[in-house]
């Protein structure tokens, strides 16, 4: 529940998220529900995109992360 409240507190702000598997993601938190946090990332247009929410006209993608895998959130 702590991860959920931390994500809600950081809504619409640029963050760096670290996960339990050692990955780091940067972007803006655009949404949070009881199981996931939604992170809008800046992604170059020529990079391969794996998210179903990629918008080719904007050049951003929304990354869905499980709240259970979050290790730390830092404002940047």
C-alpha atoms as a PDB file:
ATOM      1  CA  UNK A   1       0.000   0.000   0.000  1.00  0.00           C
ATOM      2  CA  UNK A   2       2.975   2.309   0.582  1.00  0.00           C
ATOM      3  CA  UNK A   3       3.979   2.148  -3.108  1.00  0.00           C
ATOM      4  CA  UNK A   4       0.446   3.170  -4.111  1.00  0.00           C
ATOM      5  CA  UNK A   5       0.475   6.232  -1.827  1.00  0.00           C
ATOM      6  CA  UNK A   6       3.952   7.242  -3.006  1.00  0.00           C
ATOM      7  CA  UNK A   7       2.820   7.054  -6.631  1.00  0.00           C
ATOM      8  CA  UNK A   8      -0.345   9.071  -5.934  1.00  0.00           C
ATOM      9  CA  UNK A   9       1.761  11.703  -4.163  1.00  0.00           C
ATOM     10  CA  UNK A  10       3.986  11.952  -7.278  1.00  0.00           C
ATOM     11  CA  UNK A  11       1.147  12.093  -9.864  1.00  0.00           C
ATOM     12  CA  UNK A  12       1.860  14.351 -12.863  1.00  0.00           C
ATOM     13  CA  UNK A  13       5.465  14.814 -11.753  1.00  0.00           C
ATOM     14  CA  UNK A  14       8.680  13.611 -13.369  1.00  0.00           C
ATOM     15  CA  UNK A  15      10.101  10.632 -11.477  1.00  0.00           C
ATOM     16  CA  UNK A  16      12.750   7.950 -11.629  1.00  0.00           C
ATOM     17  CA  UNK A  17      11.396   4.519 -10.634  1.00  0.00           C
ATOM     18  CA  UNK A  18      13.600   1.624  -9.581  1.00  0.00           C
ATOM     19  CA  UNK A  19      12.184  -1.917  -9.658  1.00  0.00           C
ATOM     20  CA  UNK A  20      13.106  -5.060  -7.743  1.00  0.00           C
ATOM     21  CA  UNK A  21      14.770  -6.563 -10.830  1.00  0.00           C
ATOM     22  CA  UNK A  22      17.280  -3.684 -11.016  1.00  0.00           C
ATOM     23  CA  UNK A  23      15.677  -1.701 -13.836  1.00  0.00           C
ATOM     24  CA  UNK A  24      15.307   2.073 -13.803  1.00  0.00           C
ATOM     25  CA  UNK A  25      12.534   3.981 -15.610  1.00  0.00           C
ATOM     26  CA  UNK A  26      12.123   7.762 -15.984  1.00  0.00           C
ATOM     27  CA  UNK A  27       8.980   9.623 -16.902  1.00  0.00           C
ATOM     28  CA  UNK A  28       5.820  11.286 -15.644  1.00  0.00           C
ATOM     29  CA  UNK A  29       3.280   9.319 -13.601  1.00  0.00           C
ATOM     30  CA  UNK A  30      -0.010   9.655 -15.464  1.00  0.00           C
ATOM     31  CA  UNK A  31      -2.121   7.224 -13.467  1.00  0.00           C
ATOM     32  CA  UNK A  32      -2.228   4.818 -10.555  1.00  0.00           C
ATOM     33  CA  UNK A  33      -4.679   2.068  -9.672  1.00  0.00           C
ATOM     34  CA  UNK A  34      -4.662  -0.623  -7.000  1.00  0.00           C
ATOM     35  CA  UNK A  35      -2.178  -2.792  -8.936  1.00  0.00           C
ATOM     36  CA  UNK A  36      -0.321  -0.620 -11.472  1.00  0.00           C
ATOM     37  CA  UNK A  37       1.415   2.685 -12.018  1.00  0.00           C
ATOM     38  CA  UNK A  38       1.315   4.243 -15.504  1.00  0.00           C
ATOM     39  CA  UNK A  39       4.456   6.097 -16.524  1.00  0.00           C
ATOM     40  CA  UNK A  40       4.659   8.301 -19.649  1.00  0.00           C
ATOM     41  CA  UNK A  41       8.202   8.012 -20.941  1.00  0.00           C
ATOM     42  CA  UNK A  42      10.031  10.114 -23.494  1.00  0.00           C
ATOM     43  CA  UNK A  43      11.167   7.806 -26.249  1.00  0.00           C
ATOM     44  CA  UNK A  44      13.018   8.673 -29.484  1.00  0.00           C
ATOM     45  CA  UNK A  45      10.948   8.040 -32.610  1.00  0.00           C
ATOM     46  CA  UNK A  46      13.477   5.605 -34.101  1.00  0.00           C
ATOM     47  CA  UNK A  47      13.576   3.355 -31.017  1.00  0.00           C
ATOM     48  CA  UNK A  48      11.731   0.023 -30.856  1.00  0.00           C
ATOM     49  CA  UNK A  49       8.559   0.282 -28.757  1.00  0.00           C
ATOM     50  CA  UNK A  50       7.010  -2.648 -26.898  1.00  0.00           C
ATOM     51  CA  UNK A  51       4.074  -0.945 -25.156  1.00  0.00           C
ATOM     52  CA  UNK A  52       0.574  -1.319 -26.563  1.00  0.00           C
ATOM     53  CA  UNK A  53      -0.020   2.351 -25.664  1.00  0.00           C
ATOM     54  CA  UNK A  54       2.676   3.853 -27.929  1.00  0.00           C
ATOM     55  CA  UNK A  55       1.526   6.956 -29.788  1.00  0.00           C
ATOM     56  CA  UNK A  56       3.657   7.382 -32.952  1.00  0.00           C
ATOM     57  CA  UNK A  57       2.469  10.964 -33.434  1.00  0.00           C
ATOM     58  CA  UNK A  58       3.673  12.177 -30.042  1.00  0.00           C
ATOM     59  CA  UNK A  59       6.783  10.014 -29.649  1.00  0.00           C
ATOM     60  CA  UNK A  60       5.862   8.988 -26.105  1.00  0.00           C
ATOM     61  CA  UNK A  61       4.747   5.688 -24.681  1.00  0.00           C
ATOM     62  CA  UNK A  62       2.938   4.721 -21.504  1.00  0.00           C
ATOM     63  CA  UNK A  63       4.736   2.071 -19.517  1.00  0.00           C
ATOM     64  CA  UNK A  64       2.636  -0.034 -17.135  1.00  0.00           C
ATOM     65  CA  UNK A  65       4.513  -1.181 -14.021  1.00  0.00           C
ATOM     66  CA  UNK A  66       3.204  -3.429 -11.275  1.00  0.00           C
ATOM     67  CA  UNK A  67       3.115  -1.730  -7.874  1.00  0.00           C
ATOM     68  CA  UNK A  68       4.448  -4.954  -6.355  1.00  0.00           C
ATOM     69  CA  UNK A  69       7.740  -4.665  -8.268  1.00  0.00           C
ATOM     70  CA  UNK A  70       8.553  -1.085  -7.211  1.00  0.00           C
ATOM     71  CA  UNK A  71      11.618  -0.663  -5.058  1.00  0.00           C
ATOM     72  CA  UNK A  72      11.963   3.139  -4.933  1.00  0.00           C
ATOM     73  CA  UNK A  73      10.566   6.344  -6.481  1.00  0.00           C
ATOM     74  CA  UNK A  74      12.584   9.548  -6.720  1.00  0.00           C
ATOM     75  CA  UNK A  75      11.418  12.955  -7.957  1.00  0.00           C
ATOM     76  CA  UNK A  76      13.703  14.377 -10.652  1.00  0.00           C
END
